[in-house]
Protein backbone atom coordinates (compact mmCIF):
# COMPACT_ATOMS: atom_id res chain seq x y z
CA MET A 1 37.41 -36.16 -29.92
CA ASN A 2 34.61 -34.04 -31.19
CA LYS A 3 30.88 -34.61 -30.55
CA PRO A 4 29.96 -36.25 -33.91
CA ILE A 5 32.56 -38.99 -33.39
CA TRP A 6 31.34 -39.70 -29.83
CA ALA A 7 27.77 -39.87 -31.12
CA LEU A 8 28.87 -42.37 -33.77
CA VAL A 9 30.73 -44.47 -31.18
CA ALA A 10 27.64 -44.49 -28.92
CA LEU A 11 25.39 -45.42 -31.84
CA ILE A 12 27.65 -48.32 -32.80
CA ALA A 13 27.74 -49.56 -29.19
CA VAL A 14 23.95 -49.48 -28.83
CA SER A 15 23.51 -51.12 -32.24
CA GLY A 16 25.86 -53.90 -31.18
CA MET A 17 23.86 -54.51 -28.01
CA ILE A 18 20.61 -54.64 -29.96
CA ALA A 19 22.10 -57.00 -32.54
CA SER A 20 23.46 -59.26 -29.82
CA GLY A 21 20.09 -59.38 -28.11
CA CYS A 22 21.14 -57.50 -24.97
CA SER A 23 21.87 -60.80 -23.27
CA LYS A 24 24.46 -63.47 -22.97
CA LYS A 25 23.39 -66.83 -24.32
CA GLU A 26 24.18 -69.97 -22.35
CA PRO A 27 26.02 -72.78 -24.11
CA ALA A 28 23.72 -75.42 -25.61
CA GLU A 29 24.63 -78.00 -22.98
CA LYS A 30 23.24 -75.75 -20.23
CA ALA A 31 19.98 -74.91 -21.98
CA GLU A 32 16.85 -76.18 -20.25
CA ALA A 33 14.03 -77.90 -22.07
CA PRO A 34 11.02 -75.63 -22.65
CA GLN A 35 8.49 -75.69 -19.83
CA ALA A 36 4.81 -74.85 -19.64
CA ALA A 37 3.87 -71.17 -19.42
CA PRO A 38 3.82 -69.80 -15.87
CA ALA A 39 0.56 -69.53 -14.01
CA ALA A 40 -1.11 -66.12 -13.95
CA GLU A 41 -0.38 -65.76 -10.24
CA ALA A 42 2.97 -67.12 -9.12
CA PRO A 43 3.55 -67.99 -5.46
CA ALA A 44 5.64 -65.64 -3.36
CA ALA A 45 9.34 -65.83 -4.14
CA SER A 46 11.46 -67.88 -1.77
CA PRO A 47 14.94 -66.57 -0.88
CA ALA A 48 16.46 -69.07 -3.34
CA THR A 49 14.15 -67.88 -6.12
CA ALA A 50 14.97 -64.26 -5.33
CA ASP A 51 18.70 -65.02 -5.56
CA SER A 52 18.25 -66.87 -8.85
CA GLY A 53 16.02 -64.05 -10.12
CA GLN A 54 18.80 -61.57 -9.45
CA ALA A 55 21.40 -63.78 -11.16
CA LEU A 56 19.12 -64.41 -14.14
CA PHE A 57 18.32 -60.69 -14.41
CA LYS A 58 22.04 -59.91 -14.47
CA GLN A 59 22.60 -62.58 -17.12
CA HIS A 60 19.74 -61.75 -19.49
CA CYS A 61 18.48 -58.24 -18.73
CA ALA A 62 20.95 -55.98 -16.93
CA VAL A 63 22.86 -54.97 -20.07
CA CYS A 64 19.80 -53.11 -21.39
CA HIS A 65 18.14 -52.46 -18.00
CA PRO A 66 20.95 -51.34 -15.66
CA ASP A 67 19.55 -50.44 -12.23
CA GLY A 68 16.04 -50.89 -13.62
CA GLY A 69 16.51 -48.31 -16.35
CA ASN A 70 16.22 -48.86 -20.09
CA ILE A 71 19.04 -47.86 -22.44
CA ILE A 72 17.01 -48.65 -25.57
CA ASN A 73 13.84 -46.77 -24.55
CA PRO A 74 14.44 -44.59 -21.48
CA LYS A 75 10.69 -43.83 -21.32
CA LYS A 76 10.07 -47.49 -20.34
CA PRO A 77 12.16 -48.27 -17.24
CA LEU A 78 11.44 -51.18 -14.89
CA HIS A 79 10.67 -49.00 -11.87
CA ALA A 80 7.39 -49.62 -10.04
CA ALA A 81 5.67 -46.36 -11.02
CA ALA A 82 6.45 -46.83 -14.72
CA LEU A 83 5.33 -50.46 -14.65
CA ALA A 84 2.12 -49.61 -12.80
CA SER A 85 1.31 -46.84 -15.28
CA ALA A 86 1.55 -49.48 -18.04
CA ASN A 87 -0.70 -51.83 -16.02
CA ILE A 88 2.21 -54.20 -15.32
CA THR A 89 1.61 -55.26 -11.73
CA LYS A 90 2.33 -59.00 -11.44
CA PRO A 91 5.02 -61.42 -12.60
CA ALA A 92 2.82 -62.83 -15.38
CA ASP A 93 2.61 -59.33 -16.92
CA ILE A 94 6.41 -59.11 -17.15
CA VAL A 95 6.74 -62.68 -18.47
CA LYS A 96 4.18 -61.84 -21.17
CA ILE A 97 6.36 -58.92 -22.32
CA MET A 98 9.50 -61.08 -22.20
CA ARG A 99 7.79 -63.60 -24.47
CA ASN A 100 6.37 -61.04 -26.93
CA PRO A 101 8.24 -57.73 -26.53
CA GLY A 102 7.90 -54.54 -28.45
CA PRO A 103 10.45 -53.00 -30.81
CA GLY A 104 14.02 -52.89 -29.54
CA MET A 105 13.73 -55.70 -26.98
CA THR A 106 14.96 -59.22 -27.46
CA LYS A 107 12.32 -61.95 -27.40
CA PHE A 108 12.98 -64.41 -24.57
CA ASP A 109 11.15 -67.57 -25.62
CA GLU A 110 10.83 -70.76 -23.55
CA ALA A 111 13.95 -72.23 -25.15
CA THR A 112 16.00 -69.20 -24.04
CA VAL A 113 14.47 -68.56 -20.60
CA SER A 114 12.29 -71.26 -19.02
CA GLY A 115 8.95 -70.40 -17.47
CA LYS A 116 10.39 -70.88 -13.98
CA ASP A 117 13.35 -68.62 -14.74
CA ALA A 118 11.19 -65.96 -16.43
CA THR A 119 8.95 -65.87 -13.35
CA ALA A 120 12.01 -65.58 -11.08
CA ILE A 121 13.24 -62.62 -13.15
CA ALA A 122 9.81 -60.98 -13.06
CA GLU A 123 9.51 -61.41 -9.28
CA TYR A 124 13.00 -59.92 -8.85
CA VAL A 125 12.06 -56.90 -10.99
CA LEU A 126 8.86 -56.23 -9.06
CA LYS A 127 10.62 -56.62 -5.69
CA THR A 128 13.76 -54.65 -6.52
CA PHE A 129 12.99 -51.61 -8.67
CA LYS A 130 10.72 -49.49 -6.48
């Protein structure tokens, strides 16, 4: 195939991911009731939380952020240096972005990702993508 067709195929694939929210939705029967917003400083992650953070990241985030990158906006990866340069240094900072993201990112409200799960994802991101 020639380059214009590959560019079109790539554009359609990325558009589909954006339209689908870059995440897989759980069936309604598995959805958790909304919980209170996480505290500004979350306690250190336990091994169980770290494991669930990894699983939740894979479920909700990895499609758009493979290996801590960012397929929608490559200038905003999840690696420590990039996060620190944007003053994102603690789990609450990541949860805040999940709840009210910028253009191109799906909004993960309490009904989609509970406060506990959002914090687990945030702790996983901060621990994993150095």
